[in-house]
Amino acid sequence: MLRLVGIVALFVLAACDPTSVKVGPSPSPVLAQGNWNQNLTLTGDLPGQITSIVPDLGAQQTFCSGAKARSGDTWSDSFYANVDSSGNEWQMNIVIENFRGPGTYLEKDVKISLQSADNSKAWLNQDADAAQGLVADKVTFTLARNQQSGTVDAFLTNATSGKRGAEHITGSWNCRG
């Protein structure tokens, strides 16, 4: 009986020539971050609209802490998007260093920056400087219960000229994390 099983196994193995297996091309990965719909309006130095993000490419990577962040952690969202018809990509970063969960964060709690891909242009919210009589750039950032969506109303300072409130970002944002 064992001899018969061995003979059958040899026939099966001979019939299954592994060199004749045809392998098709693997499908392109679905970039979930490409579905991060945005509704952000930019006015000031860089006027435009952000409605979606661009897919990851090389070192240009999208990230969102999302629901993984816990109280006391750093929560962050970083993505690249087209703002205007030029086709240039811009990076937007939002960081809450002392995350307290869903809710509203003001200028002292959240850092927001917008910069060109080559870092030649940038805007960020500045802290108050009492010695120079400067108040902080006004920022209101809300984080919904899911920690993956919310609203923003932020005035940013031009990093080159130092002009306060040179860029204004308003609207709703989304991420996955």
C-alpha atoms as a PDB file:
ATOM      1  CA  MET A   1       0.000   0.000   0.000  1.00  0.00           C
ATOM      2  CA  LEU A   2       2.801   2.416   0.876  1.00  0.00           C
ATOM      3  CA  ARG A   3       4.450   1.662  -2.421  1.00  0.00           C
ATOM      4  CA  LEU A   4       1.239   2.591  -4.289  1.00  0.00           C
ATOM      5  CA  VAL A   5       0.950   5.906  -2.370  1.00  0.00           C
ATOM      6  CA  GLY A   6       4.577   6.706  -3.244  1.00  0.00           C
ATOM      7  CA  ILE A   7       4.003   6.012  -6.955  1.00  0.00           C
ATOM      8  CA  VAL A   8       0.870   8.225  -6.986  1.00  0.00           C
ATOM      9  CA  ALA A   9       2.799  11.000  -5.236  1.00  0.00           C
ATOM     10  CA  LEU A  10       5.539  10.842  -7.901  1.00  0.00           C
ATOM     11  CA  PHE A  11       2.961  11.179 -10.701  1.00  0.00           C
ATOM     12  CA  VAL A  12       1.325  14.154  -8.955  1.00  0.00           C
ATOM     13  CA  LEU A  13       4.680  15.887  -8.452  1.00  0.00           C
ATOM     14  CA  ALA A  14       5.706  15.262 -12.051  1.00  0.00           C
ATOM     15  CA  ALA A  15       2.418  16.741 -13.299  1.00  0.00           C
ATOM     16  CA  CYS A  16       2.892  19.874 -11.192  1.00  0.00           C
ATOM     17  CA  ASP A  17       5.884  21.443 -12.911  1.00  0.00           C
ATOM     18  CA  PRO A  18       6.570  24.598 -10.841  1.00  0.00           C
ATOM     19  CA  THR A  19       8.304  26.271 -13.796  1.00  0.00           C
ATOM     20  CA  SER A  20       5.029  26.357 -15.745  1.00  0.00           C
ATOM     21  CA  VAL A  21       3.148  28.450 -13.181  1.00  0.00           C
ATOM     22  CA  LYS A  22       2.139  31.799 -14.632  1.00  0.00           C
ATOM     23  CA  VAL A  23       2.280  34.706 -12.189  1.00  0.00           C
ATOM     24  CA  GLY A  24       0.390  37.882 -13.058  1.00  0.00           C
ATOM     25  CA  PRO A  25       1.518  41.359 -12.075  1.00  0.00           C
ATOM     26  CA  SER A  26       0.725  42.303  -8.515  1.00  0.00           C
ATOM     27  CA  PRO A  27      -1.892  45.019  -8.171  1.00  0.00           C
ATOM     28  CA  SER A  28      -0.892  48.546  -7.262  1.00  0.00           C
ATOM     29  CA  PRO A  29      -1.388  49.252  -3.569  1.00  0.00           C
ATOM     30  CA  VAL A  30      -4.429  51.227  -2.560  1.00  0.00           C
ATOM     31  CA  LEU A  31      -3.225  54.400  -0.884  1.00  0.00           C
ATOM     32  CA  ALA A  32      -5.761  54.922   1.862  1.00  0.00           C
ATOM     33  CA  GLN A  33      -4.286  58.321   2.699  1.00  0.00           C
ATOM     34  CA  GLY A  34      -5.343  59.475  -0.786  1.00  0.00           C
ATOM     35  CA  ASN A  35      -8.901  59.463   0.532  1.00  0.00           C
ATOM     36  CA  TRP A  36      -8.264  62.006   3.272  1.00  0.00           C
ATOM     37  CA  ASN A  37     -10.785  64.567   2.056  1.00  0.00           C
ATOM     38  CA  GLN A  38     -10.063  68.107   3.166  1.00  0.00           C
ATOM     39  CA  ASN A  39     -12.074  71.308   2.964  1.00  0.00           C
ATOM     40  CA  LEU A  40      -9.480  73.940   3.820  1.00  0.00           C
ATOM     41  CA  THR A  41      -9.463  77.501   2.499  1.00  0.00           C
ATOM     42  CA  LEU A  42      -6.201  79.464   2.469  1.00  0.00           C
ATOM     43  CA  THR A  43      -6.119  83.252   2.235  1.00  0.00           C
ATOM     44  CA  GLY A  44      -3.173  85.617   2.456  1.00  0.00           C
ATOM     45  CA  ASP A  45       0.292  85.047   0.965  1.00  0.00           C
ATOM     46  CA  LEU A  46      -0.757  81.679  -0.497  1.00  0.00           C
ATOM     47  CA  PRO A  47      -4.427  81.752  -1.495  1.00  0.00           C
ATOM     48  CA  GLY A  48      -6.082  78.510  -2.485  1.00  0.00           C
ATOM     49  CA  GLN A  49      -8.081  75.475  -1.479  1.00  0.00           C
ATOM     50  CA  ILE A  50      -7.052  72.051  -0.170  1.00  0.00           C
ATOM     51  CA  THR A  51      -9.641  69.374  -0.976  1.00  0.00           C
ATOM     52  CA  SER A  52      -7.517  66.204  -0.832  1.00  0.00           C
ATOM     53  CA  ILE A  53      -3.974  65.066  -0.244  1.00  0.00           C
ATOM     54  CA  VAL A  54      -1.410  63.669  -2.671  1.00  0.00           C
ATOM     55  CA  PRO A  55      -0.197  60.038  -2.389  1.00  0.00           C
ATOM     56  CA  ASP A  56       3.057  59.202  -0.617  1.00  0.00           C
ATOM     57  CA  LEU A  57       6.163  59.314  -2.785  1.00  0.00           C
ATOM     58  CA  GLY A  58       9.671  58.537  -1.530  1.00  0.00           C
ATOM     59  CA  ALA A  59      10.514  60.642   1.519  1.00  0.00           C
ATOM     60  CA  GLN A  60       7.241  62.536   1.130  1.00  0.00           C
ATOM     61  CA  GLN A  61       5.144  60.561   3.625  1.00  0.00           C
ATOM     62  CA  THR A  62       1.729  61.246   5.138  1.00  0.00           C
ATOM     63  CA  PHE A  63       1.157  60.509   8.831  1.00  0.00           C
ATOM     64  CA  CYS A  64      -1.643  60.897  11.366  1.00  0.00           C
ATOM     65  CA  SER A  65      -1.686  59.772  14.996  1.00  0.00           C
ATOM     66  CA  GLY A  66      -5.455  59.493  14.799  1.00  0.00           C
ATOM     67  CA  ALA A  67      -7.160  57.328  17.385  1.00  0.00           C
ATOM     68  CA  LYS A  68      -3.816  55.802  18.521  1.00  0.00           C
ATOM     69  CA  ALA A  69      -2.818  58.865  20.577  1.00  0.00           C
ATOM     70  CA  ARG A  70      -3.526  58.799  24.304  1.00  0.00           C
ATOM     71  CA  SER A  71      -3.701  61.607  26.840  1.00  0.00           C
ATOM     72  CA  GLY A  72      -0.205  63.003  27.457  1.00  0.00           C
ATOM     73  CA  ASP A  73       1.093  61.740  24.074  1.00  0.00           C
ATOM     74  CA  THR A  74       1.936  63.884  21.071  1.00  0.00           C
ATOM     75  CA  TRP A  75      -0.843  63.912  18.461  1.00  0.00           C
ATOM     76  CA  SER A  76       0.144  64.899  14.928  1.00  0.00           C
ATOM     77  CA  ASP A  77      -1.066  65.061  11.362  1.00  0.00           C
ATOM     78  CA  SER A  78       1.262  65.681   8.420  1.00  0.00           C
ATOM     79  CA  PHE A  79       0.203  65.580   4.779  1.00  0.00           C
ATOM     80  CA  TYR A  80       1.054  66.952   1.341  1.00  0.00           C
ATOM     81  CA  ALA A  81      -1.518  68.668  -0.867  1.00  0.00           C
ATOM     82  CA  ASN A  82      -1.952  70.896  -3.891  1.00  0.00           C
ATOM     83  CA  VAL A  83      -3.157  74.361  -2.910  1.00  0.00           C
ATOM     84  CA  ASP A  84      -3.458  76.194  -6.205  1.00  0.00           C
ATOM     85  CA  SER A  85      -3.385  75.507  -9.938  1.00  0.00           C
ATOM     86  CA  SER A  86       0.461  75.604 -10.069  1.00  0.00           C
ATOM     87  CA  GLY A  87       0.669  71.886  -9.270  1.00  0.00           C
ATOM     88  CA  ASN A  88       3.192  72.606  -6.512  1.00  0.00           C
ATOM     89  CA  GLU A  89       2.859  70.418  -3.452  1.00  0.00           C
ATOM     90  CA  TRP A  90       2.742  71.882   0.044  1.00  0.00           C
ATOM     91  CA  GLN A  91       3.191  70.149   3.387  1.00  0.00           C
ATOM     92  CA  MET A  92       0.852  70.899   6.265  1.00  0.00           C
ATOM     93  CA  ASN A  93       1.812  69.838   9.806  1.00  0.00           C
ATOM     94  CA  ILE A  94      -0.351  69.946  12.914  1.00  0.00           C
ATOM     95  CA  VAL A  95       1.173  68.974  16.277  1.00  0.00           C
ATOM     96  CA  ILE A  96      -0.390  68.854  19.741  1.00  0.00           C
ATOM     97  CA  GLU A  97       2.462  68.110  22.151  1.00  0.00           C
ATOM     98  CA  ASN A  98       0.363  67.607  25.289  1.00  0.00           C
ATOM     99  CA  PHE A  99      -2.642  65.788  23.868  1.00  0.00           C
ATOM    100  CA  ARG A 100      -5.683  65.745  26.181  1.00  0.00           C
ATOM    101  CA  GLY A 101      -8.127  63.884  23.937  1.00  0.00           C
ATOM    102  CA  PRO A 102     -10.864  65.177  21.630  1.00  0.00           C
ATOM    103  CA  GLY A 103     -11.828  68.818  22.044  1.00  0.00           C
ATOM    104  CA  THR A 104     -10.661  72.343  21.263  1.00  0.00           C
ATOM    105  CA  TYR A 105      -7.023  73.398  21.341  1.00  0.00           C
ATOM    106  CA  LEU A 106      -5.844  77.006  21.156  1.00  0.00           C
ATOM    107  CA  GLU A 107      -2.613  78.640  19.990  1.00  0.00           C
ATOM    108  CA  LYS A 108      -0.683  77.735  23.151  1.00  0.00           C
ATOM    109  CA  ASP A 109      -1.532  74.030  22.682  1.00  0.00           C
ATOM    110  CA  VAL A 110      -1.122  73.401  18.961  1.00  0.00           C
ATOM    111  CA  LYS A 111       1.589  74.130  16.373  1.00  0.00           C
ATOM    112  CA  ILE A 112       0.607  74.427  12.726  1.00  0.00           C
ATOM    113  CA  SER A 113       2.918  74.923   9.779  1.00  0.00           C
ATOM    114  CA  LEU A 114       2.521  75.119   6.018  1.00  0.00           C
ATOM    115  CA  GLN A 115       5.614  74.880   3.828  1.00  0.00           C
ATOM    116  CA  SER A 116       6.674  74.322   0.256  1.00  0.00           C
ATOM    117  CA  ALA A 117       8.171  70.927  -0.591  1.00  0.00           C
ATOM    118  CA  ASP A 118      11.620  72.540  -1.003  1.00  0.00           C
ATOM    119  CA  ASN A 119      11.222  74.536   2.271  1.00  0.00           C
ATOM    120  CA  SER A 120      11.768  77.854   0.464  1.00  0.00           C
ATOM    121  CA  LYS A 121       8.435  79.216   1.754  1.00  0.00           C
ATOM    122  CA  ALA A 122       6.861  78.539   5.134  1.00  0.00           C
ATOM    123  CA  TRP A 123       4.224  79.846   7.540  1.00  0.00           C
ATOM    124  CA  LEU A 124       3.727  78.840  11.178  1.00  0.00           C
ATOM    125  CA  ASN A 125       1.870  80.016  14.228  1.00  0.00           C
ATOM    126  CA  GLN A 126       4.123  82.034  16.523  1.00  0.00           C
ATOM    127  CA  ASP A 127       4.017  82.182  20.306  1.00  0.00           C
ATOM    128  CA  ALA A 128       3.552  85.436  22.168  1.00  0.00           C
ATOM    129  CA  ASP A 129       6.676  87.523  22.807  1.00  0.00           C
ATOM    130  CA  ALA A 130       5.933  89.886  25.692  1.00  0.00           C
ATOM    131  CA  ALA A 131       9.358  91.549  25.385  1.00  0.00           C
ATOM    132  CA  GLN A 132       8.470  92.675  21.865  1.00  0.00           C
ATOM    133  CA  GLY A 133       4.806  93.300  22.662  1.00  0.00           C
ATOM    134  CA  LEU A 134       3.661  90.520  20.312  1.00  0.00           C
ATOM    135  CA  VAL A 135       0.610  88.385  20.964  1.00  0.00           C
ATOM    136  CA  ALA A 136       0.470  84.796  19.712  1.00  0.00           C
ATOM    137  CA  ASP A 137      -1.026  84.034  16.310  1.00  0.00           C
ATOM    138  CA  LYS A 138      -4.678  83.115  16.915  1.00  0.00           C
ATOM    139  CA  VAL A 139      -5.404  79.406  16.423  1.00  0.00           C
ATOM    140  CA  THR A 140      -8.522  77.377  17.188  1.00  0.00           C
ATOM    141  CA  PHE A 141      -8.148  73.680  16.355  1.00  0.00           C
ATOM    142  CA  THR A 142     -10.882  71.164  17.108  1.00  0.00           C
ATOM    143  CA  LEU A 143     -10.459  67.428  17.215  1.00  0.00           C
ATOM    144  CA  ALA A 144     -13.612  65.285  16.910  1.00  0.00           C
ATOM    145  CA  ARG A 145     -14.312  62.262  19.100  1.00  0.00           C
ATOM    146  CA  ASN A 146     -12.778  59.907  16.494  1.00  0.00           C
ATOM    147  CA  GLN A 147      -9.499  61.924  16.661  1.00  0.00           C
ATOM    148  CA  GLN A 148      -9.374  61.759  12.842  1.00  0.00           C
ATOM    149  CA  SER A 149     -11.355  64.841  11.848  1.00  0.00           C
ATOM    150  CA  GLY A 150     -12.197  68.345  12.996  1.00  0.00           C
ATOM    151  CA  THR A 151     -11.902  72.014  12.124  1.00  0.00           C
ATOM    152  CA  VAL A 152      -9.173  74.620  12.062  1.00  0.00           C
ATOM    153  CA  ASP A 153      -9.081  78.427  12.093  1.00  0.00           C
ATOM    154  CA  ALA A 154      -5.444  79.476  12.188  1.00  0.00           C
ATOM    155  CA  PHE A 155      -3.471  82.644  11.449  1.00  0.00           C
ATOM    156  CA  LEU A 156       0.156  81.907  10.561  1.00  0.00           C
ATOM    157  CA  THR A 157       3.291  84.051  10.422  1.00  0.00           C
ATOM    158  CA  ASN A 158       5.422  84.186   7.273  1.00  0.00           C
ATOM    159  CA  ALA A 159       8.720  82.532   8.304  1.00  0.00           C
ATOM    160  CA  THR A 160      10.745  84.639   5.843  1.00  0.00           C
ATOM    161  CA  SER A 161       9.323  88.120   6.359  1.00  0.00           C
ATOM    162  CA  GLY A 162       8.108  87.678   9.944  1.00  0.00           C
ATOM    163  CA  LYS A 163       4.751  89.185   8.975  1.00  0.00           C
ATOM    164  CA  ARG A 164       2.185  88.001  11.520  1.00  0.00           C
ATOM    165  CA  GLY A 165      -1.144  86.713  10.211  1.00  0.00           C
ATOM    166  CA  ALA A 166       0.227  86.500   6.662  1.00  0.00           C
ATOM    167  CA  GLU A 167      -1.631  83.227   6.042  1.00  0.00           C
ATOM    168  CA  HIS A 168      -5.101  82.222   7.269  1.00  0.00           C
ATOM    169  CA  ILE A 169      -6.310  78.595   7.126  1.00  0.00           C
ATOM    170  CA  THR A 170      -9.938  77.735   7.832  1.00  0.00           C
ATOM    171  CA  GLY A 171     -12.174  74.732   7.308  1.00  0.00           C
ATOM    172  CA  SER A 172     -12.420  71.038   8.063  1.00  0.00           C
ATOM    173  CA  TRP A 173      -9.739  68.364   7.892  1.00  0.00           C
ATOM    174  CA  ASN A 174      -9.681  64.550   7.923  1.00  0.00           C
ATOM    175  CA  CYS A 175      -7.020  61.904   8.417  1.00  0.00           C
ATOM    176  CA  ARG A 176      -6.640  58.193   9.108  1.00  0.00           C
ATOM    177  CA  GLY A 177      -4.423  56.833  11.811  1.00  0.00           C
END
